[in-house]
Amino acid sequence: MCLRKRSGYRPPDLINAKIYTGPIPAERGVELAMGGGRSETSALSGAGEARGLTTTQNSQRPNACCFCWCCCCSCSCLTVRNEEERRKRRRRKRISQETKMEAKLETCPKPSVEEVQMWSQSFDKLMRNPAGRNVFREFLRTEYSEENMLFWLACEDLKQEINKSAIEEKARSIYEDYISILSPKEVSLDARVREVINRKMQDPTPHTFEDAQLQIYTLMHRDSYPRFLSSSIYKALVQGGSRTSSES
């Protein structure tokens, strides 16, 4: 010890000593396992506990992803709710339009004898006459095919529209009410006409359903019109008109 003091000798490991924070060598690990270096072990275990505490605290913090998920869920719910409200408004508007259309038909004046007799001359004369359409609609109702007349009238109403947004709204209503396979009032159309309609619905115009309207018109002419002329509804009108003429 005296020699070290005289010569000024100092252990090299104490010169510029620094705290080592790197990984523990294998030999040092064995020494720690055998009980040596308790201070280092305590320090490492303390650091581990600190990390564990930090992890626990982080796990208890609100998760930002959970907040985002809630926001996305809320936005989705609002979108669905808004879409349902729009459907309800469109449904109420369609019901209102159909009610007005039916009321317009039902308030037609009583047809004259000449008008009733004229209906038997051609289907075109029947359909051009408001009272004739009204009576023919009542006949179609007895055959559970009133949707054909309602569809034809809706197409005629669409042709008179000039406002772009109104055209799109009415075209969508007609499609959902009479073209969609999910509608209880679906009219009978072939695949070609349906394909044409689906293509035109990308940019609806007043003539989007022109081919379908013509097909339904032809169907009513060939299938329903002959039965209408021999029906009790039409015969009652003819007999009633003839009786009135004879009495006068």
Protein backbone atom coordinates (compact mmCIF):
# COMPACT_ATOMS: atom_id res chain seq x y z
CA MET A 1 0.00 0.00 0.00
CA CYS A 2 2.91 2.33 0.78
CA LEU A 3 4.49 1.70 -2.60
CA ARG A 4 1.24 2.70 -4.28
CA LYS A 5 1.04 5.96 -2.37
CA ARG A 6 4.66 6.95 -3.18
CA SER A 7 4.47 6.14 -6.84
CA GLY A 8 1.08 7.74 -7.25
CA TYR A 9 -0.38 4.49 -8.55
CA ARG A 10 -4.16 4.39 -9.01
CA PRO A 11 -6.21 1.45 -10.23
CA PRO A 12 -7.01 1.87 -13.92
CA ASP A 13 -10.70 0.98 -13.40
CA LEU A 14 -11.23 4.07 -11.23
CA ILE A 15 -9.86 6.52 -13.80
CA ASN A 16 -12.74 8.29 -15.53
CA ALA A 17 -15.14 5.80 -13.98
CA LYS A 18 -18.60 5.70 -15.62
CA ILE A 19 -21.75 3.83 -14.73
CA TYR A 20 -22.29 0.92 -17.12
CA THR A 21 -25.83 0.63 -18.35
CA GLY A 22 -25.36 -1.86 -21.16
CA PRO A 23 -26.20 -5.57 -21.22
CA ILE A 24 -24.74 -7.80 -18.55
CA PRO A 25 -22.01 -10.19 -19.79
CA ALA A 26 -22.58 -13.92 -19.40
CA GLU A 27 -19.91 -14.29 -16.70
CA ARG A 28 -21.42 -11.43 -14.70
CA GLY A 29 -24.84 -13.03 -15.04
CA VAL A 30 -23.52 -16.21 -13.46
CA GLU A 31 -22.08 -14.17 -10.62
CA LEU A 32 -25.42 -12.47 -10.05
CA ALA A 33 -27.18 -15.80 -10.04
CA MET A 34 -24.80 -17.06 -7.33
CA GLY A 35 -25.64 -14.12 -5.07
CA GLY A 36 -22.96 -11.65 -6.04
CA GLY A 37 -23.57 -8.05 -6.99
CA ARG A 38 -26.74 -7.59 -5.00
CA SER A 39 -26.71 -3.85 -5.53
CA GLU A 40 -26.78 -4.30 -9.33
CA THR A 41 -29.56 -6.89 -9.02
CA SER A 42 -31.57 -4.55 -6.84
CA ALA A 43 -31.06 -1.75 -9.33
CA LEU A 44 -32.16 -3.95 -12.25
CA SER A 45 -35.18 -5.26 -10.38
CA GLY A 46 -36.09 -1.69 -9.42
CA ALA A 47 -35.85 -0.66 -13.05
CA GLY A 48 -38.05 -3.63 -14.03
CA GLU A 49 -40.61 -2.66 -11.44
CA ALA A 50 -40.57 0.91 -12.69
CA ARG A 51 -41.16 -0.30 -16.25
CA GLY A 52 -43.98 -2.55 -15.04
CA LEU A 53 -45.56 0.38 -13.20
CA THR A 54 -45.28 2.56 -16.29
CA THR A 55 -46.90 -0.15 -18.42
CA THR A 56 -49.75 -0.52 -15.93
CA GLN A 57 -50.32 3.22 -15.86
CA ASN A 58 -50.34 3.36 -19.66
CA SER A 59 -52.83 0.52 -19.81
CA GLN A 60 -55.13 2.47 -17.53
CA ARG A 61 -55.14 5.54 -19.78
CA PRO A 62 -58.05 6.00 -22.21
CA ASN A 63 -57.31 4.40 -25.56
CA ALA A 64 -57.35 6.84 -28.45
CA CYS A 65 -58.30 4.03 -30.83
CA CYS A 66 -61.36 3.31 -28.71
CA PHE A 67 -62.36 6.97 -28.97
CA CYS A 68 -61.92 6.86 -32.74
CA TRP A 69 -63.99 3.67 -32.92
CA CYS A 70 -66.76 5.32 -30.92
CA CYS A 71 -66.69 8.32 -33.24
CA CYS A 72 -66.82 6.10 -36.33
CA CYS A 73 -69.64 4.09 -34.81
CA SER A 74 -71.55 7.28 -33.99
CA CYS A 75 -71.00 8.63 -37.50
CA SER A 76 -72.23 5.34 -39.00
CA CYS A 77 -75.32 5.38 -36.80
CA LEU A 78 -76.04 8.97 -37.81
CA THR A 79 -75.63 8.09 -41.49
CA VAL A 80 -78.03 5.16 -41.21
CA ARG A 81 -80.51 7.28 -39.26
CA ASN A 82 -80.37 10.07 -41.84
CA GLU A 83 -80.88 7.59 -44.68
CA GLU A 84 -83.90 6.14 -42.90
CA GLU A 85 -85.36 9.62 -42.45
CA ARG A 86 -84.88 10.34 -46.16
CA ARG A 87 -86.63 7.09 -47.05
CA LYS A 88 -89.52 7.93 -44.77
CA ARG A 89 -89.86 11.37 -46.35
CA ARG A 90 -89.79 9.88 -49.84
CA ARG A 91 -92.35 7.25 -48.81
CA ARG A 92 -94.68 9.89 -47.36
CA LYS A 93 -94.28 11.97 -50.51
CA ARG A 94 -95.08 9.00 -52.74
CA ILE A 95 -98.15 8.15 -50.70
CA SER A 96 -99.26 11.75 -50.96
CA GLN A 97 -98.75 11.76 -54.73
CA GLU A 98 -100.61 8.48 -55.17
CA THR A 99 -103.46 9.74 -52.98
CA LYS A 100 -103.74 12.88 -55.08
CA MET A 101 -103.61 10.82 -58.26
CA GLU A 102 -106.36 8.49 -57.08
CA ALA A 103 -108.45 11.40 -55.82
CA LYS A 104 -108.10 13.06 -59.21
CA LEU A 105 -109.39 9.93 -60.91
CA GLU A 106 -112.26 9.45 -58.50
CA THR A 107 -113.49 13.05 -58.79
CA CYS A 108 -114.01 12.80 -62.55
CA PRO A 109 -117.55 13.72 -63.64
CA LYS A 110 -119.98 11.00 -64.59
CA PRO A 111 -119.44 10.00 -68.24
CA SER A 112 -122.08 10.71 -70.83
CA VAL A 113 -123.76 8.06 -72.98
CA GLU A 114 -121.65 9.04 -75.97
CA GLU A 115 -118.44 8.72 -73.97
CA VAL A 116 -119.33 5.27 -72.66
CA GLN A 117 -120.17 4.03 -76.16
CA MET A 118 -116.97 5.58 -77.51
CA TRP A 119 -114.84 3.50 -75.09
CA SER A 120 -115.77 0.33 -76.94
CA GLN A 121 -114.45 1.69 -80.24
CA SER A 122 -110.78 1.64 -79.25
CA PHE A 123 -108.53 1.36 -76.23
CA ASP A 124 -106.88 4.68 -77.12
CA LYS A 125 -110.20 6.51 -76.78
CA LEU A 126 -110.76 4.86 -73.41
CA MET A 127 -107.34 5.90 -72.11
CA ARG A 128 -107.59 9.44 -73.42
CA ASN A 129 -110.83 10.00 -71.54
CA PRO A 130 -110.41 10.83 -67.80
CA ALA A 131 -113.72 9.20 -66.87
CA GLY A 132 -112.79 6.17 -68.98
CA ARG A 133 -109.48 5.77 -67.15
CA ASN A 134 -111.34 6.04 -63.87
CA VAL A 135 -113.79 3.26 -64.73
CA PHE A 136 -111.07 1.11 -66.25
CA ARG A 137 -108.99 1.52 -63.08
CA GLU A 138 -111.91 0.31 -60.99
CA PHE A 139 -112.10 -2.76 -63.22
CA LEU A 140 -108.36 -3.40 -62.87
CA ARG A 141 -108.74 -3.20 -59.12
CA THR A 142 -111.16 -6.14 -59.23
CA GLU A 143 -108.49 -8.11 -61.09
CA TYR A 144 -105.71 -7.05 -58.69
CA SER A 145 -103.79 -5.30 -61.46
CA GLU A 146 -104.47 -1.67 -60.62
CA GLU A 147 -100.70 -1.03 -60.45
CA ASN A 148 -100.60 -1.10 -64.27
CA MET A 149 -102.81 1.96 -64.51
CA LEU A 150 -101.04 3.72 -61.62
CA PHE A 151 -97.66 3.10 -63.26
CA TRP A 152 -98.89 4.44 -66.59
CA LEU A 153 -100.28 7.56 -64.92
CA ALA A 154 -97.05 8.10 -62.95
CA CYS A 155 -95.07 7.96 -66.21
CA GLU A 156 -97.44 10.50 -67.78
CA ASP A 157 -96.91 12.77 -64.78
CA LEU A 158 -93.13 12.40 -65.07
CA LYS A 159 -93.24 13.49 -68.72
CA GLN A 160 -94.74 16.81 -67.68
CA GLU A 161 -91.92 17.59 -65.21
CA ILE A 162 -89.15 20.03 -66.17
CA ASN A 163 -87.31 20.52 -62.86
CA LYS A 164 -84.16 18.39 -62.69
CA SER A 165 -84.36 17.52 -58.99
CA ALA A 166 -88.09 16.76 -59.25
CA ILE A 167 -87.43 14.49 -62.23
CA GLU A 168 -84.84 12.52 -60.27
CA GLU A 169 -87.12 12.25 -57.24
CA LYS A 170 -90.14 11.10 -59.24
CA ALA A 171 -88.05 8.67 -61.31
CA ARG A 172 -86.67 7.12 -58.12
CA SER A 173 -90.15 6.83 -56.66
CA ILE A 174 -91.48 5.16 -59.81
CA TYR A 175 -88.58 2.72 -59.82
CA GLU A 176 -89.03 1.77 -56.16
CA ASP A 177 -92.83 1.46 -56.45
CA TYR A 178 -93.28 -0.32 -59.79
CA ILE A 179 -89.93 -1.58 -61.14
CA SER A 180 -88.12 -2.95 -58.10
CA ILE A 181 -88.59 -6.69 -57.57
CA LEU A 182 -89.01 -5.98 -53.85
CA SER A 183 -92.09 -3.83 -54.38
CA PRO A 184 -95.55 -5.40 -53.87
CA LYS A 185 -96.76 -3.24 -56.79
CA GLU A 186 -94.15 -4.44 -59.28
CA VAL A 187 -95.39 -4.40 -62.88
CA SER A 188 -94.63 -7.17 -65.34
CA LEU A 189 -91.71 -6.23 -67.60
CA ASP A 190 -89.30 -8.29 -69.67
CA ALA A 191 -85.56 -8.42 -69.06
CA ARG A 192 -84.68 -6.16 -72.00
CA VAL A 193 -86.86 -3.30 -70.77
CA ARG A 194 -85.52 -3.66 -67.22
CA GLU A 195 -81.97 -3.45 -68.51
CA VAL A 196 -82.81 -0.27 -70.42
CA ILE A 197 -84.38 1.27 -67.31
CA ASN A 198 -81.40 0.39 -65.11
CA ARG A 199 -79.09 2.06 -67.61
CA LYS A 200 -81.25 5.19 -67.89
CA MET A 201 -81.63 5.52 -64.11
CA GLN A 202 -77.99 6.64 -63.93
CA ASP A 203 -79.21 9.96 -65.35
CA PRO A 204 -83.04 10.05 -65.20
CA THR A 205 -85.05 12.06 -67.71
CA PRO A 206 -88.80 12.53 -68.24
CA HIS A 207 -88.64 9.65 -70.76
CA THR A 208 -86.71 7.15 -68.62
CA PHE A 209 -89.67 4.74 -68.43
CA GLU A 210 -90.99 5.25 -71.96
CA ASP A 211 -90.32 1.65 -73.10
CA ALA A 212 -91.80 0.22 -69.91
CA GLN A 213 -94.86 2.45 -70.19
CA LEU A 214 -95.46 1.29 -73.74
CA GLN A 215 -95.14 -2.36 -72.71
CA ILE A 216 -97.65 -1.95 -69.86
CA TYR A 217 -99.99 -0.03 -72.15
CA THR A 218 -99.85 -2.90 -74.66
CA LEU A 219 -100.43 -5.43 -71.87
CA MET A 220 -103.56 -3.61 -70.68
CA HIS A 221 -104.79 -3.28 -74.27
CA ARG A 222 -104.40 -6.94 -75.19
CA ASP A 223 -105.15 -8.59 -71.86
CA SER A 224 -107.42 -6.40 -69.73
CA TYR A 225 -109.34 -4.28 -72.24
CA PRO A 226 -111.33 -7.14 -73.87
CA ARG A 227 -112.40 -8.40 -70.44
CA PHE A 228 -113.36 -4.87 -69.43
CA LEU A 229 -115.80 -4.55 -72.35
CA SER A 230 -117.54 -7.75 -71.28
CA SER A 231 -117.44 -6.96 -67.56
CA SER A 232 -120.45 -6.12 -65.42
CA ILE A 233 -118.96 -2.70 -64.65
CA TYR A 234 -119.00 -1.61 -68.28
CA LYS A 235 -122.32 -3.27 -69.08
CA ALA A 236 -123.96 -1.45 -66.18
CA LEU A 237 -122.77 1.87 -67.56
CA VAL A 238 -124.04 1.03 -71.06
CA GLN A 239 -127.42 -0.11 -69.79
CA GLY A 240 -127.71 2.86 -67.44
CA GLY A 241 -126.92 5.26 -70.24
CA SER A 242 -129.37 3.58 -72.61
CA ARG A 243 -132.13 3.69 -69.98
CA THR A 244 -131.49 7.37 -69.35
CA SER A 245 -131.64 8.14 -73.07
CA SER A 246 -134.93 6.26 -73.55
CA GLU A 247 -136.53 7.98 -70.57
CA SER A 248 -135.57 11.41 -71.84
